[in-house]
């Protein structure tokens, strides 16, 4: 997508001068503008935080157990049957 087609938003922040200077230096060392540096570093951190929050990682053993439960689900126990009946009673006619 061309730069002219990307919707832009403005971000302003008041930060300590030392932090600003440090980020400016880091950007320069990477051959980037401060904006580019902030987009790269904050964007990567935001992606990682979202991934850690929204993506469930399972061990190989748990993946197998999950797939087996989907393929051959266990029979509902008495507690689940009562909950399903209660749900049906509460939401009947809605």
Protein backbone atom coordinates (compact mmCIF):
# COMPACT_ATOMS: atom_id res chain seq x y z
CA UNK A 1 0.00 0.00 0.00
CA UNK A 2 1.40 3.38 -0.97
CA UNK A 3 2.17 5.90 1.76
CA UNK A 4 -0.52 8.25 0.42
CA UNK A 5 -3.17 5.53 0.93
CA UNK A 6 -2.30 4.80 4.57
CA UNK A 7 -4.53 6.50 7.12
CA UNK A 8 -2.35 8.37 9.58
CA UNK A 9 -2.94 9.36 13.20
CA UNK A 10 -1.01 11.73 15.43
CA UNK A 11 0.60 10.72 18.72
CA UNK A 12 1.94 13.22 21.22
CA UNK A 13 3.68 12.39 24.46
CA UNK A 14 5.52 14.32 27.11
CA UNK A 15 8.57 12.36 28.19
CA UNK A 16 11.70 13.17 30.18
CA UNK A 17 14.35 14.89 28.06
CA UNK A 18 16.83 12.12 28.89
CA UNK A 19 14.49 9.46 27.48
CA UNK A 20 13.93 11.56 24.35
CA UNK A 21 17.65 12.01 23.81
CA UNK A 22 18.28 8.32 24.37
CA UNK A 23 15.63 7.36 21.79
CA UNK A 24 17.02 9.91 19.33
CA UNK A 25 20.49 8.40 19.75
CA UNK A 26 19.22 4.85 19.33
CA UNK A 27 17.31 5.85 16.19
CA UNK A 28 20.40 7.52 14.74
CA UNK A 29 22.55 4.44 15.52
CA UNK A 30 20.07 2.31 13.58
CA UNK A 31 19.96 4.80 10.72
CA UNK A 32 16.32 5.60 11.37
CA UNK A 33 14.22 8.64 12.11
CA UNK A 34 12.81 8.90 15.60
CA UNK A 35 9.34 8.23 14.18
CA UNK A 36 10.58 5.14 12.34
CA UNK A 37 12.39 3.92 15.43
CA UNK A 38 9.33 4.38 17.64
CA UNK A 39 7.09 2.64 15.11
CA UNK A 40 9.49 -0.30 14.87
CA UNK A 41 10.10 -0.76 18.59
CA UNK A 42 6.67 0.14 19.98
CA UNK A 43 4.92 -1.65 17.13
CA UNK A 44 6.86 -4.86 17.77
CA UNK A 45 6.18 -4.66 21.50
CA UNK A 46 2.47 -4.03 20.88
CA UNK A 47 2.29 -7.04 18.52
CA UNK A 48 4.05 -9.24 21.11
CA UNK A 49 1.78 -8.11 23.98
CA UNK A 50 -1.35 -8.76 21.91
CA UNK A 51 -0.04 -12.15 20.81
CA UNK A 52 0.81 -13.16 24.38
CA UNK A 53 -2.66 -12.11 25.52
CA UNK A 54 -4.79 -13.46 22.68
CA UNK A 55 -2.96 -16.57 21.48
CA UNK A 56 -3.04 -19.69 23.61
CA UNK A 57 0.03 -21.86 23.28
CA UNK A 58 -0.34 -25.54 24.07
CA UNK A 59 2.28 -28.19 24.60
CA UNK A 60 2.33 -30.99 22.02
CA UNK A 61 0.61 -33.30 24.52
CA UNK A 62 -2.14 -30.74 25.17
CA UNK A 63 -2.59 -30.16 21.42
CA UNK A 64 -3.18 -33.89 20.95
CA UNK A 65 -5.61 -34.08 23.88
CA UNK A 66 -7.52 -31.06 22.56
CA UNK A 67 -7.77 -32.53 19.05
CA UNK A 68 -8.90 -35.90 20.43
CA UNK A 69 -11.59 -34.18 22.52
CA UNK A 70 -12.86 -32.39 19.41
CA UNK A 71 -12.88 -35.60 17.37
CA UNK A 72 -14.40 -37.78 20.09
CA UNK A 73 -15.92 -35.53 22.78
CA UNK A 74 -16.62 -37.06 26.19
CA UNK A 75 -20.19 -37.63 27.28
CA UNK A 76 -21.61 -34.75 29.36
CA UNK A 77 -21.57 -35.38 33.09
CA UNK A 78 -24.54 -34.71 35.38
CA UNK A 79 -23.36 -31.21 36.29
CA UNK A 80 -23.08 -30.17 32.63
CA UNK A 81 -26.51 -31.69 31.85
CA UNK A 82 -28.05 -29.66 34.73
CA UNK A 83 -26.35 -26.50 33.49
CA UNK A 84 -27.64 -27.06 29.94
CA UNK A 85 -31.17 -27.63 31.27
CA UNK A 86 -30.97 -24.49 33.41
CA UNK A 87 -29.69 -22.46 30.44
CA UNK A 88 -32.55 -23.70 28.28
CA UNK A 89 -35.07 -22.75 30.98
CA UNK A 90 -33.60 -19.28 31.42
CA UNK A 91 -33.37 -18.44 27.74
CA UNK A 92 -36.50 -20.18 26.43
CA UNK A 93 -38.64 -17.69 24.50
CA UNK A 94 -35.96 -15.04 24.07
